[in-house]
Amino acid sequence: FLFQSYENALSIDYSVLLNDPKSIGRFRQSSDELKLRKR
């Protein structure tokens, strides 16, 4: 275990996986994100 203080929670990269076998249901990336060309 590493003891280390930090002032703010870390920001991480994350993304929903649309075509992953674990994803169940119907959904798609929002049109707002698509307009911003967000990957």
PDB file of all heavy atoms in Angstrom:
ATOM      1  N   PHE A   1       0.858  -1.187   0.000  1.00  0.00           N
ATOM      2  CA  PHE A   1       0.000   0.000   0.000  1.00  0.00           C
ATOM      3  C   PHE A   1       0.892   1.233   0.000  1.00  0.00           C
ATOM      4  O   PHE A   1       1.890   1.288   0.727  1.00  0.00           O
ATOM      5  CB  PHE A   1      -0.919   0.037   1.224  1.00  0.00           C
ATOM      6  CG  PHE A   1      -1.926   1.159   1.176  1.00  0.00           C
ATOM      7  CD1 PHE A   1      -3.043   1.070   0.378  1.00  0.00           C
ATOM      8  CD2 PHE A   1      -1.732   2.317   1.921  1.00  0.00           C
ATOM      9  CE1 PHE A   1      -3.968   2.107   0.313  1.00  0.00           C
ATOM     10  CE2 PHE A   1      -2.645   3.357   1.877  1.00  0.00           C
ATOM     11  CZ  PHE A   1      -3.769   3.249   1.064  1.00  0.00           C
ATOM     12  N   LEU A   2       0.526   2.211  -0.815  1.00  0.00           N
ATOM     13  CA  LEU A   2       1.262   3.469  -0.886  1.00  0.00           C
ATOM     14  C   LEU A   2       0.487   4.559  -0.170  1.00  0.00           C
ATOM     15  O   LEU A   2      -0.634   4.903  -0.563  1.00  0.00           O
ATOM     16  CB  LEU A   2       1.496   3.870  -2.345  1.00  0.00           C
ATOM     17  CG  LEU A   2       2.174   5.227  -2.566  1.00  0.00           C
ATOM     18  CD1 LEU A   2       3.611   5.182  -2.073  1.00  0.00           C
ATOM     19  CD2 LEU A   2       2.133   5.627  -4.029  1.00  0.00           C
ATOM     20  N   PHE A   3       1.076   5.106   0.890  1.00  0.00           N
ATOM     21  CA  PHE A   3       0.502   6.261   1.577  1.00  0.00           C
ATOM     22  C   PHE A   3       1.012   7.508   0.869  1.00  0.00           C
ATOM     23  O   PHE A   3       2.226   7.749   0.811  1.00  0.00           O
ATOM     24  CB  PHE A   3       0.945   6.310   3.040  1.00  0.00           C
ATOM     25  CG  PHE A   3       0.434   5.176   3.883  1.00  0.00           C
ATOM     26  CD1 PHE A   3       1.215   4.043   4.093  1.00  0.00           C
ATOM     27  CD2 PHE A   3      -0.820   5.243   4.475  1.00  0.00           C
ATOM     28  CE1 PHE A   3       0.763   3.003   4.882  1.00  0.00           C
ATOM     29  CE2 PHE A   3      -1.281   4.197   5.269  1.00  0.00           C
ATOM     30  CZ  PHE A   3      -0.497   3.073   5.464  1.00  0.00           C
ATOM     31  N   GLN A   4       0.082   8.318   0.341  1.00  0.00           N
ATOM     32  CA  GLN A   4       0.487   9.573  -0.275  1.00  0.00           C
ATOM     33  C   GLN A   4      -0.679  10.548  -0.276  1.00  0.00           C
ATOM     34  O   GLN A   4      -1.794  10.207  -0.685  1.00  0.00           O
ATOM     35  CB  GLN A   4       0.957   9.360  -1.719  1.00  0.00           C
ATOM     36  CG  GLN A   4       1.503  10.648  -2.320  1.00  0.00           C
ATOM     37  CD  GLN A   4       1.915  10.485  -3.764  1.00  0.00           C
ATOM     38  OE1 GLN A   4       1.171   9.909  -4.544  1.00  0.00           O
ATOM     39  NE2 GLN A   4       3.082  10.973  -4.103  1.00  0.00           N
ATOM     40  N   SER A   5      -0.441  11.745   0.213  1.00  0.00           N
ATOM     41  CA  SER A   5      -1.491  12.752   0.268  1.00  0.00           C
ATOM     42  C   SER A   5      -1.661  13.413  -1.084  1.00  0.00           C
ATOM     43  O   SER A   5      -0.722  13.533  -1.855  1.00  0.00           O
ATOM     44  CB  SER A   5      -1.161  13.820   1.316  1.00  0.00           C
ATOM     45  OG  SER A   5      -1.205  13.289   2.608  1.00  0.00           O
ATOM     46  N   TYR A   6      -2.879  13.831  -1.342  1.00  0.00           N
ATOM     47  CA  TYR A   6      -3.160  14.577  -2.553  1.00  0.00           C
ATOM     48  C   TYR A   6      -4.341  15.505  -2.292  1.00  0.00           C
ATOM     49  O   TYR A   6      -5.197  15.217  -1.462  1.00  0.00           O
ATOM     50  CB  TYR A   6      -3.418  13.644  -3.736  1.00  0.00           C
ATOM     51  CG  TYR A   6      -4.278  12.450  -3.468  1.00  0.00           C
ATOM     52  CD1 TYR A   6      -5.585  12.403  -3.926  1.00  0.00           C
ATOM     53  CD2 TYR A   6      -3.793  11.361  -2.752  1.00  0.00           C
ATOM     54  CE1 TYR A   6      -6.377  11.298  -3.698  1.00  0.00           C
ATOM     55  CE2 TYR A   6      -4.573  10.248  -2.515  1.00  0.00           C
ATOM     56  CZ  TYR A   6      -5.875  10.224  -2.990  1.00  0.00           C
ATOM     57  OH  TYR A   6      -6.666   9.129  -2.740  1.00  0.00           O
ATOM     58  N   GLU A   7      -4.350  16.618  -2.996  1.00  0.00           N
ATOM     59  CA  GLU A   7      -5.294  17.694  -2.672  1.00  0.00           C
ATOM     60  C   GLU A   7      -6.616  17.562  -3.412  1.00  0.00           C
ATOM     61  O   GLU A   7      -7.650  17.980  -2.930  1.00  0.00           O
ATOM     62  CB  GLU A   7      -4.653  19.043  -2.987  1.00  0.00           C
ATOM     63  CG  GLU A   7      -3.437  19.343  -2.093  1.00  0.00           C
ATOM     64  CD  GLU A   7      -2.758  20.638  -2.472  1.00  0.00           C
ATOM     65  OE1 GLU A   7      -3.187  21.254  -3.476  1.00  0.00           O
ATOM     66  OE2 GLU A   7      -1.800  21.034  -1.790  1.00  0.00           O
ATOM     67  N   ASN A   8      -6.589  17.027  -4.592  1.00  0.00           N
ATOM     68  CA  ASN A   8      -7.813  16.878  -5.373  1.00  0.00           C
ATOM     69  C   ASN A   8      -7.830  15.504  -6.019  1.00  0.00           C
ATOM     70  O   ASN A   8      -6.787  14.956  -6.365  1.00  0.00           O
ATOM     71  CB  ASN A   8      -7.881  17.943  -6.481  1.00  0.00           C
ATOM     72  CG  ASN A   8      -7.886  19.343  -5.926  1.00  0.00           C
ATOM     73  OD1 ASN A   8      -8.833  19.740  -5.250  1.00  0.00           O
ATOM     74  ND2 ASN A   8      -6.827  20.088  -6.183  1.00  0.00           N
ATOM     75  N   ALA A   9      -9.033  14.957  -6.171  1.00  0.00           N
ATOM     76  CA  ALA A   9      -9.140  13.651  -6.815  1.00  0.00           C
ATOM     77  C   ALA A   9      -8.592  13.736  -8.238  1.00  0.00           C
ATOM     78  O   ALA A   9      -8.768  14.735  -8.937  1.00  0.00           O
ATOM     79  CB  ALA A   9     -10.602  13.205  -6.844  1.00  0.00           C
ATOM     80  N   LEU A  10      -7.909  12.697  -8.648  1.00  0.00           N
ATOM     81  CA  LEU A  10      -7.304  12.692  -9.977  1.00  0.00           C
ATOM     82  C   LEU A  10      -8.368  12.654 -11.069  1.00  0.00           C
ATOM     83  O   LEU A  10      -9.397  12.014 -10.937  1.00  0.00           O
ATOM     84  CB  LEU A  10      -6.406  11.467 -10.131  1.00  0.00           C
ATOM     85  CG  LEU A  10      -5.066  11.502  -9.401  1.00  0.00           C
ATOM     86  CD1 LEU A  10      -4.381  10.155  -9.551  1.00  0.00           C
ATOM     87  CD2 LEU A  10      -4.175  12.580  -9.970  1.00  0.00           C
ATOM     88  N   SER A  11      -8.099  13.347 -12.158  1.00  0.00           N
ATOM     89  CA  SER A  11      -8.957  13.292 -13.334  1.00  0.00           C
ATOM     90  C   SER A  11      -8.437  12.177 -14.228  1.00  0.00           C
ATOM     91  O   SER A  11      -7.247  12.111 -14.519  1.00  0.00           O
ATOM     92  CB  SER A  11      -8.917  14.628 -14.072  1.00  0.00           C
ATOM     93  OG  SER A  11      -9.620  14.538 -15.290  1.00  0.00           O
ATOM     94  N   ILE A  12      -9.307  11.280 -14.647  1.00  0.00           N
ATOM     95  CA  ILE A  12      -8.876  10.174 -15.488  1.00  0.00           C
ATOM     96  C   ILE A  12      -9.613  10.190 -16.815  1.00  0.00           C
ATOM     97  O   ILE A  12     -10.686  10.775 -16.946  1.00  0.00           O
ATOM     98  CB  ILE A  12      -9.100   8.810 -14.794  1.00  0.00           C
ATOM     99  CG1 ILE A  12     -10.597   8.527 -14.644  1.00  0.00           C
ATOM    100  CG2 ILE A  12      -8.394   8.748 -13.458  1.00  0.00           C
ATOM    101  CD1 ILE A  12     -10.892   7.081 -14.315  1.00  0.00           C
ATOM    102  N   ASP A  13      -9.039   9.548 -17.812  1.00  0.00           N
ATOM    103  CA  ASP A  13      -9.711   9.367 -19.095  1.00  0.00           C
ATOM    104  C   ASP A  13     -10.632   8.150 -18.999  1.00  0.00           C
ATOM    105  O   ASP A  13     -10.252   7.112 -18.447  1.00  0.00           O
ATOM    106  CB  ASP A  13      -8.678   9.139 -20.206  1.00  0.00           C
ATOM    107  CG  ASP A  13      -7.874  10.396 -20.500  1.00  0.00           C
ATOM    108  OD1 ASP A  13      -8.465  11.498 -20.439  1.00  0.00           O
ATOM    109  OD2 ASP A  13      -6.673  10.290 -20.783  1.00  0.00           O
ATOM    110  N   TYR A  14     -11.829   8.285 -19.552  1.00  0.00           N
ATOM    111  CA  TYR A  14     -12.772   7.171 -19.550  1.00  0.00           C
ATOM    112  C   TYR A  14     -13.718   7.323 -20.736  1.00  0.00           C
ATOM    113  O   TYR A  14     -13.885   8.416 -21.290  1.00  0.00           O
ATOM    114  CB  TYR A  14     -13.558   7.114 -18.243  1.00  0.00           C
ATOM    115  CG  TYR A  14     -14.450   8.315 -17.985  1.00  0.00           C
ATOM    116  CD1 TYR A  14     -15.820   8.266 -18.245  1.00  0.00           C
ATOM    117  CD2 TYR A  14     -13.932   9.493 -17.461  1.00  0.00           C
ATOM    118  CE1 TYR A  14     -16.639   9.363 -17.996  1.00  0.00           C
ATOM    119  CE2 TYR A  14     -14.741  10.592 -17.204  1.00  0.00           C
ATOM    120  CZ  TYR A  14     -16.096  10.519 -17.471  1.00  0.00           C
ATOM    121  OH  TYR A  14     -16.906  11.606 -17.234  1.00  0.00           O
ATOM    122  N   SER A  15     -14.326   6.226 -21.148  1.00  0.00           N
ATOM    123  CA  SER A  15     -15.228   6.264 -22.291  1.00  0.00           C
ATOM    124  C   SER A  15     -16.141   5.048 -22.281  1.00  0.00           C
ATOM    125  O   SER A  15     -15.701   3.930 -21.987  1.00  0.00           O
ATOM    126  CB  SER A  15     -14.426   6.289 -23.600  1.00  0.00           C
ATOM    127  OG  SER A  15     -15.286   6.318 -24.728  1.00  0.00           O
ATOM    128  N   VAL A  16     -17.416   5.265 -22.600  1.00  0.00           N
ATOM    129  CA  VAL A  16     -18.342   4.146 -22.770  1.00  0.00           C
ATOM    130  C   VAL A  16     -17.948   3.375 -24.024  1.00  0.00           C
ATOM    131  O   VAL A  16     -17.609   3.962 -25.057  1.00  0.00           O
ATOM    132  CB  VAL A  16     -19.794   4.645 -22.894  1.00  0.00           C
ATOM    133  CG1 VAL A  16     -20.741   3.479 -23.195  1.00  0.00           C
ATOM    134  CG2 VAL A  16     -20.225   5.363 -21.626  1.00  0.00           C
ATOM    135  N   LEU A  17     -17.985   2.064 -23.942  1.00  0.00           N
ATOM    136  CA  LEU A  17     -17.666   1.201 -25.086  1.00  0.00           C
ATOM    137  C   LEU A  17     -18.972   0.752 -25.728  1.00  0.00           C
ATOM    138  O   LEU A  17     -19.674  -0.124 -25.211  1.00  0.00           O
ATOM    139  CB  LEU A  17     -16.842  -0.001 -24.618  1.00  0.00           C
ATOM    140  CG  LEU A  17     -15.516   0.345 -23.916  1.00  0.00           C
ATOM    141  CD1 LEU A  17     -14.873  -0.912 -23.332  1.00  0.00           C
ATOM    142  CD2 LEU A  17     -14.556   1.027 -24.885  1.00  0.00           C
ATOM    143  N   LEU A  18     -19.311   1.364 -26.868  1.00  0.00           N
ATOM    144  CA  LEU A  18     -20.617   1.134 -27.483  1.00  0.00           C
ATOM    145  C   LEU A  18     -20.802  -0.303 -27.960  1.00  0.00           C
ATOM    146  O   LEU A  18     -21.892  -0.871 -27.849  1.00  0.00           O
ATOM    147  CB  LEU A  18     -20.806   2.084 -28.667  1.00  0.00           C
ATOM    148  CG  LEU A  18     -20.841   3.582 -28.348  1.00  0.00           C
ATOM    149  CD1 LEU A  18     -21.010   4.385 -29.636  1.00  0.00           C
ATOM    150  CD2 LEU A  18     -21.970   3.907 -27.371  1.00  0.00           C
ATOM    151  N   ASN A  19     -19.745  -0.894 -28.501  1.00  0.00           N
ATOM    152  CA  ASN A  19     -19.879  -2.216 -29.128  1.00  0.00           C
ATOM    153  C   ASN A  19     -19.279  -3.345 -28.306  1.00  0.00           C
ATOM    154  O   ASN A  19     -19.051  -4.436 -28.832  1.00  0.00           O
ATOM    155  CB  ASN A  19     -19.216  -2.182 -30.513  1.00  0.00           C
ATOM    156  CG  ASN A  19     -19.845  -1.138 -31.422  1.00  0.00           C
ATOM    157  OD1 ASN A  19     -21.071  -1.032 -31.499  1.00  0.00           O
ATOM    158  ND2 ASN A  19     -19.003  -0.355 -32.092  1.00  0.00           N
ATOM    159  N   ASP A  20     -19.019  -3.093 -27.049  1.00  0.00           N
ATOM    160  CA  ASP A  20     -18.425  -4.133 -26.216  1.00  0.00           C
ATOM    161  C   ASP A  20     -19.462  -5.226 -25.926  1.00  0.00           C
ATOM    162  O   ASP A  20     -20.658  -4.930 -25.735  1.00  0.00           O
ATOM    163  CB  ASP A  20     -17.949  -3.516 -24.900  1.00  0.00           C
ATOM    164  CG  ASP A  20     -17.084  -4.462 -24.100  1.00  0.00           C
ATOM    165  OD1 ASP A  20     -15.850  -4.440 -24.303  1.00  0.00           O
ATOM    166  OD2 ASP A  20     -17.631  -5.241 -23.291  1.00  0.00           O
ATOM    167  N   PRO A  21     -19.030  -6.495 -25.886  1.00  0.00           N
ATOM    168  CA  PRO A  21     -19.970  -7.599 -25.583  1.00  0.00           C
ATOM    169  C   PRO A  21     -20.657  -7.456 -24.227  1.00  0.00           C
ATOM    170  O   PRO A  21     -21.743  -8.001 -24.029  1.00  0.00           O
ATOM    171  CB  PRO A  21     -19.069  -8.842 -25.603  1.00  0.00           C
ATOM    172  CG  PRO A  21     -17.880  -8.460 -26.423  1.00  0.00           C
ATOM    173  CD  PRO A  21     -17.676  -7.001 -26.205  1.00  0.00           C
ATOM    174  N   LYS A  22     -20.029  -6.717 -23.304  1.00  0.00           N
ATOM    175  CA  LYS A  22     -20.618  -6.541 -21.984  1.00  0.00           C
ATOM    176  C   LYS A  22     -21.718  -5.478 -21.964  1.00  0.00           C
ATOM    177  O   LYS A  22     -22.470  -5.382 -20.988  1.00  0.00           O
ATOM    178  CB  LYS A  22     -19.522  -6.155 -20.982  1.00  0.00           C
ATOM    179  CG  LYS A  22     -18.464  -7.227 -20.740  1.00  0.00           C
ATOM    180  CD  LYS A  22     -18.993  -8.345 -19.877  1.00  0.00           C
ATOM    181  CE  LYS A  22     -17.881  -9.312 -19.510  1.00  0.00           C
ATOM    182  NZ  LYS A  22     -18.358 -10.395 -18.620  1.00  0.00           N
ATOM    183  N   SER A  23     -21.792  -4.655 -23.002  1.00  0.00           N
ATOM    184  CA  SER A  23     -22.819  -3.613 -23.070  1.00  0.00           C
ATOM    185  C   SER A  23     -24.144  -4.233 -23.506  1.00  0.00           C
ATOM    186  O   SER A  23     -24.202  -4.953 -24.504  1.00  0.00           O
ATOM    187  CB  SER A  23     -22.402  -2.506 -24.034  1.00  0.00           C
ATOM    188  OG  SER A  23     -21.283  -1.795 -23.537  1.00  0.00           O
ATOM    189  N   ILE A  24     -25.199  -3.964 -22.745  1.00  0.00           N
ATOM    190  CA  ILE A  24     -26.518  -4.539 -23.019  1.00  0.00           C
ATOM    191  C   ILE A  24     -27.543  -3.413 -23.059  1.00  0.00           C
ATOM    192  O   ILE A  24     -27.551  -2.537 -22.195  1.00  0.00           O
ATOM    193  CB  ILE A  24     -26.913  -5.556 -21.925  1.00  0.00           C
ATOM    194  CG1 ILE A  24     -25.890  -6.693 -21.866  1.00  0.00           C
ATOM    195  CG2 ILE A  24     -28.305  -6.116 -22.181  1.00  0.00           C
ATOM    196  CD1 ILE A  24     -26.129  -7.664 -20.718  1.00  0.00           C
ATOM    197  N   GLY A  25     -28.416  -3.433 -24.048  1.00  0.00           N
ATOM    198  CA  GLY A  25     -29.436  -2.408 -24.194  1.00  0.00           C
ATOM    199  C   GLY A  25     -29.241  -1.610 -25.473  1.00  0.00           C
ATOM    200  O   GLY A  25     -28.421  -1.964 -26.327  1.00  0.00           O
ATOM    201  N   ARG A  26     -29.992  -0.527 -25.588  1.00  0.00           N
ATOM    202  CA  ARG A  26     -29.888   0.333 -26.773  1.00  0.00           C
ATOM    203  C   ARG A  26     -29.424   1.720 -26.335  1.00  0.00           C
ATOM    204  O   ARG A  26     -29.965   2.298 -25.390  1.00  0.00           O
ATOM    205  CB  ARG A  26     -31.240   0.440 -27.472  1.00  0.00           C
ATOM    206  CG  ARG A  26     -31.177   1.129 -28.841  1.00  0.00           C
ATOM    207  CD  ARG A  26     -32.552   1.372 -29.380  1.00  0.00           C
ATOM    208  NE  ARG A  26     -33.224   2.447 -28.644  1.00  0.00           N
ATOM    209  CZ  ARG A  26     -34.541   2.615 -28.582  1.00  0.00           C
ATOM    210  NH1 ARG A  26     -35.338   1.735 -29.169  1.00  0.00           N
ATOM    211  NH2 ARG A  26     -35.078   3.622 -27.904  1.00  0.00           N
ATOM    212  N   PHE A  27     -28.442   2.261 -27.037  1.00  0.00           N
ATOM    213  CA  PHE A  27     -27.945   3.607 -26.749  1.00  0.00           C
ATOM    214  C   PHE A  27     -26.948   3.986 -27.836  1.00  0.00           C
ATOM    215  O   PHE A  27     -26.408   3.138 -28.541  1.00  0.00           O
ATOM    216  CB  PHE A  27     -27.272   3.674 -25.368  1.00  0.00           C
ATOM    217  CG  PHE A  27     -26.323   2.549 -25.087  1.00  0.00           C
ATOM    218  CD1 PHE A  27     -25.009   2.571 -25.520  1.00  0.00           C
ATOM    219  CD2 PHE A  27     -26.766   1.430 -24.386  1.00  0.00           C
ATOM    220  CE1 PHE A  27     -24.151   1.533 -25.273  1.00  0.00           C
ATOM    221  CE2 PHE A  27     -25.899   0.372 -24.131  1.00  0.00           C
ATOM    222  CZ  PHE A  27     -24.591   0.423 -24.579  1.00  0.00           C
ATOM    223  N   ARG A  28     -26.710   5.275 -27.958  1.00  0.00           N
ATOM    224  CA  ARG A  28     -25.700   5.775 -28.888  1.00  0.00           C
ATOM    225  C   ARG A  28     -25.113   7.057 -28.323  1.00  0.00           C
ATOM    226  O   ARG A  28     -25.662   7.659 -27.405  1.00  0.00           O
ATOM    227  CB  ARG A  28     -26.292   6.017 -30.271  1.00  0.00           C
ATOM    228  CG  ARG A  28     -27.385   7.074 -30.328  1.00  0.00           C
ATOM    229  CD  ARG A  28     -27.994   7.140 -31.730  1.00  0.00           C
ATOM    230  NE  ARG A  28     -29.044   8.133 -31.827  1.00  0.00           N
ATOM    231  CZ  ARG A  28     -28.865   9.424 -32.133  1.00  0.00           C
ATOM    232  NH1 ARG A  28     -27.629   9.871 -32.339  1.00  0.00           N
ATOM    233  NH2 ARG A  28     -29.876  10.256 -32.222  1.00  0.00           N
ATOM    234  N   GLN A  29     -23.957   7.454 -28.883  1.00  0.00           N
ATOM    235  CA  GLN A  29     -23.327   8.680 -28.412  1.00  0.00           C
ATOM    236  C   GLN A  29     -24.231   9.869 -28.694  1.00  0.00           C
ATOM    237  O   GLN A  29     -24.875   9.946 -29.738  1.00  0.00           O
ATOM    238  CB  GLN A  29     -21.973   8.885 -29.098  1.00  0.00           C
ATOM    239  CG  GLN A  29     -21.186  10.070 -28.539  1.00  0.00           C
ATOM    240  CD  GLN A  29     -19.810  10.210 -29.157  1.00  0.00           C
ATOM    241  OE1 GLN A  29     -19.568   9.685 -30.250  1.00  0.00           O
ATOM    242  NE2 GLN A  29     -18.910  10.911 -28.499  1.00  0.00           N
ATOM    243  N   SER A  30     -24.264  10.815 -27.774  1.00  0.00           N
ATOM    244  CA  SER A  30     -25.143  11.972 -27.922  1.00  0.00           C
ATOM    245  C   SER A  30     -24.729  12.823 -29.117  1.00  0.00           C
ATOM    246  O   SER A  30     -23.554  12.880 -29.491  1.00  0.00           O
ATOM    247  CB  SER A  30     -25.115  12.825 -26.647  1.00  0.00           C
ATOM    248  OG  SER A  30     -23.877  13.506 -26.541  1.00  0.00           O
ATOM    249  N   SER A  31     -25.693  13.465 -29.706  1.00  0.00           N
ATOM    250  CA  SER A  31     -25.420  14.309 -30.873  1.00  0.00           C
ATOM    251  C   SER A  31     -24.527  15.485 -30.505  1.00  0.00           C
ATOM    252  O   SER A  31     -23.726  15.950 -31.325  1.00  0.00           O
ATOM    253  CB  SER A  31     -26.739  14.822 -31.468  1.00  0.00           C
ATOM    254  OG  SER A  31     -27.518  15.473 -30.468  1.00  0.00           O
ATOM    255  N   ASP A  32     -24.621  15.967 -29.250  1.00  0.00           N
ATOM    256  CA  ASP A  32     -23.757  17.080 -28.810  1.00  0.00           C
ATOM    257  C   ASP A  32     -22.293  16.664 -28.837  1.00  0.00           C
ATOM    258  O   ASP A  32     -21.429  17.425 -29.287  1.00  0.00           O
ATOM    259  CB  ASP A  32     -24.145  17.535 -27.401  1.00  0.00           C
ATOM    260  CG  ASP A  32     -25.478  18.259 -27.373  1.00  0.00           C
ATOM    261  OD1 ASP A  32     -25.903  18.741 -28.446  1.00  0.00           O
ATOM    262  OD2 ASP A  32     -26.084  18.342 -26.295  1.00  0.00           O
ATOM    263  N   GLU A  33     -21.997  15.464 -28.352  1.00  0.00           N
ATOM    264  CA  GLU A  33     -20.618  14.985 -28.382  1.00  0.00           C
ATOM    265  C   GLU A  33     -20.154  14.733 -29.808  1.00  0.00           C
ATOM    266  O   GLU A  33     -19.001  14.994 -30.156  1.00  0.00           O
ATOM    267  CB  GLU A  33     -20.474  13.704 -27.549  1.00  0.00           C
ATOM    268  CG  GLU A  33     -20.329  13.953 -26.067  1.00  0.00           C
ATOM    269  CD  GLU A  33     -19.876  12.722 -25.307  1.00  0.00           C
ATOM    270  OE1 GLU A  33     -20.051  11.596 -25.819  1.00  0.00           O
ATOM    271  OE2 GLU A  33     -19.351  12.887 -24.188  1.00  0.00           O
ATOM    272  N   LEU A  34     -21.047  14.233 -30.636  1.00  0.00           N
ATOM    273  CA  LEU A  34     -20.679  13.965 -32.030  1.00  0.00           C
ATOM    274  C   LEU A  34     -20.328  15.257 -32.757  1.00  0.00           C
ATOM    275  O   LEU A  34     -19.399  15.309 -33.567  1.00  0.00           O
ATOM    276  CB  LEU A  34     -21.822  13.254 -32.750  1.00  0.00           C
ATOM    277  CG  LEU A  34     -22.011  11.773 -32.407  1.00  0.00           C
ATOM    278  CD1 LEU A  34     -23.317  11.247 -33.000  1.00  0.00           C
ATOM    279  CD2 LEU A  34     -20.826  10.960 -32.922  1.00  0.00           C
ATOM    280  N   LYS A  35     -21.058  16.317 -32.461  1.00  0.00           N
ATOM    281  CA  LYS A  35     -20.771  17.611 -33.094  1.00  0.00           C
ATOM    282  C   LYS A  35     -19.398  18.130 -32.694  1.00  0.00           C
ATOM    283  O   LYS A  35     -18.720  18.804 -33.479  1.00  0.00           O
ATOM    284  CB  LYS A  35     -21.840  18.632 -32.688  1.00  0.00           C
ATOM    285  CG  LYS A  35     -23.202  18.394 -33.325  1.00  0.00           C
ATOM    286  CD  LYS A  35     -24.230  19.390 -32.811  1.00  0.00           C
ATOM    287  CE  LYS A  35     -25.609  19.097 -33.361  1.00  0.00           C
ATOM    288  NZ  LYS A  35     -26.635  20.016 -32.796  1.00  0.00           N
ATOM    289  N   LEU A  36     -18.988  17.819 -31.458  1.00  0.00           N
ATOM    290  CA  LEU A  36     -17.674  18.249 -30.980  1.00  0.00           C
ATOM    291  C   LEU A  36     -16.569  17.307 -31.437  1.00  0.00           C
ATOM    292  O   LEU A  36     -15.406  17.521 -31.112  1.00  0.00           O
ATOM    293  CB  LEU A  36     -17.680  18.327 -29.448  1.00  0.00           C
ATOM    294  CG  LEU A  36     -18.610  19.380 -28.831  1.00  0.00           C
ATOM    295  CD1 LEU A  36     -18.659  19.210 -27.322  1.00  0.00           C
ATOM    296  CD2 LEU A  36     -18.140  20.787 -29.199  1.00  0.00           C
ATOM    297  N   ARG A  37     -16.954  16.285 -32.205  1.00  0.00           N
ATOM    298  CA  ARG A  37     -16.007  15.287 -32.719  1.00  0.00           C
ATOM    299  C   ARG A  37     -15.224  14.630 -31.587  1.00  0.00           C
ATOM    300  O   ARG A  37     -14.039  14.354 -31.701  1.00  0.00           O
ATOM    301  CB  ARG A  37     -15.050  15.933 -33.729  1.00  0.00           C
ATOM    302  CG  ARG A  37     -15.751  16.534 -34.934  1.00  0.00           C
ATOM    303  CD  ARG A  37     -14.774  17.234 -35.839  1.00  0.00           C
ATOM    304  NE  ARG A  37     -13.835  16.276 -36.453  1.00  0.00           N
ATOM    305  CZ  ARG A  37     -12.775  16.646 -37.174  1.00  0.00           C
ATOM    306  NH1 ARG A  37     -12.512  17.938 -37.332  1.00  0.00           N
ATOM    307  NH2 ARG A  37     -11.983  15.743 -37.709  1.00  0.00           N
ATOM    308  N   LYS A  38     -15.919  14.384 -30.499  1.00  0.00           N
ATOM    309  CA  LYS A  38     -15.269  13.744 -29.357  1.00  0.00           C
ATOM    310  C   LYS A  38     -15.144  12.241 -29.587  1.00  0.00           C
ATOM    311  O   LYS A  38     -16.108  11.574 -29.947  1.00  0.00           O
ATOM    312  CB  LYS A  38     -16.066  13.993 -28.074  1.00  0.00           C
ATOM    313  CG  LYS A  38     -15.803  15.340 -27.427  1.00  0.00           C
ATOM    314  CD  LYS A  38     -16.362  15.345 -26.014  1.00  0.00           C
ATOM    315  CE  LYS A  38     -15.956  16.602 -25.270  1.00  0.00           C
ATOM    316  NZ  LYS A  38     -16.424  16.575 -23.868  1.00  0.00           N
ATOM    317  N   ARG A  39     -13.938  11.738 -29.369  1.00  0.00           N
ATOM    318  CA  ARG A  39     -13.742  10.298 -29.487  1.00  0.00           C
ATOM    319  C   ARG A  39     -14.087   9.573 -28.197  1.00  0.00           C
ATOM    320  O   ARG A  39     -14.399   8.388 -28.220  1.00  0.00           O
ATOM    321  CB  ARG A  39     -12.293   9.996 -29.897  1.00  0.00           C
ATOM    322  CG  ARG A  39     -11.990  10.355 -31.348  1.00  0.00           C
ATOM    323  CD  ARG A  39     -10.566   9.936 -31.716  1.00  0.00           C
ATOM    324  NE  ARG A  39     -10.305  10.082 -33.139  1.00  0.00           N
ATOM    325  CZ  ARG A  39      -9.904  11.203 -33.720  1.00  0.00           C
ATOM    326  NH1 ARG A  39      -9.708  12.272 -32.977  1.00  0.00           N
ATOM    327  NH2 ARG A  39      -9.703  11.270 -35.016  1.00  0.00           N
TER     328      ARG A  39
END
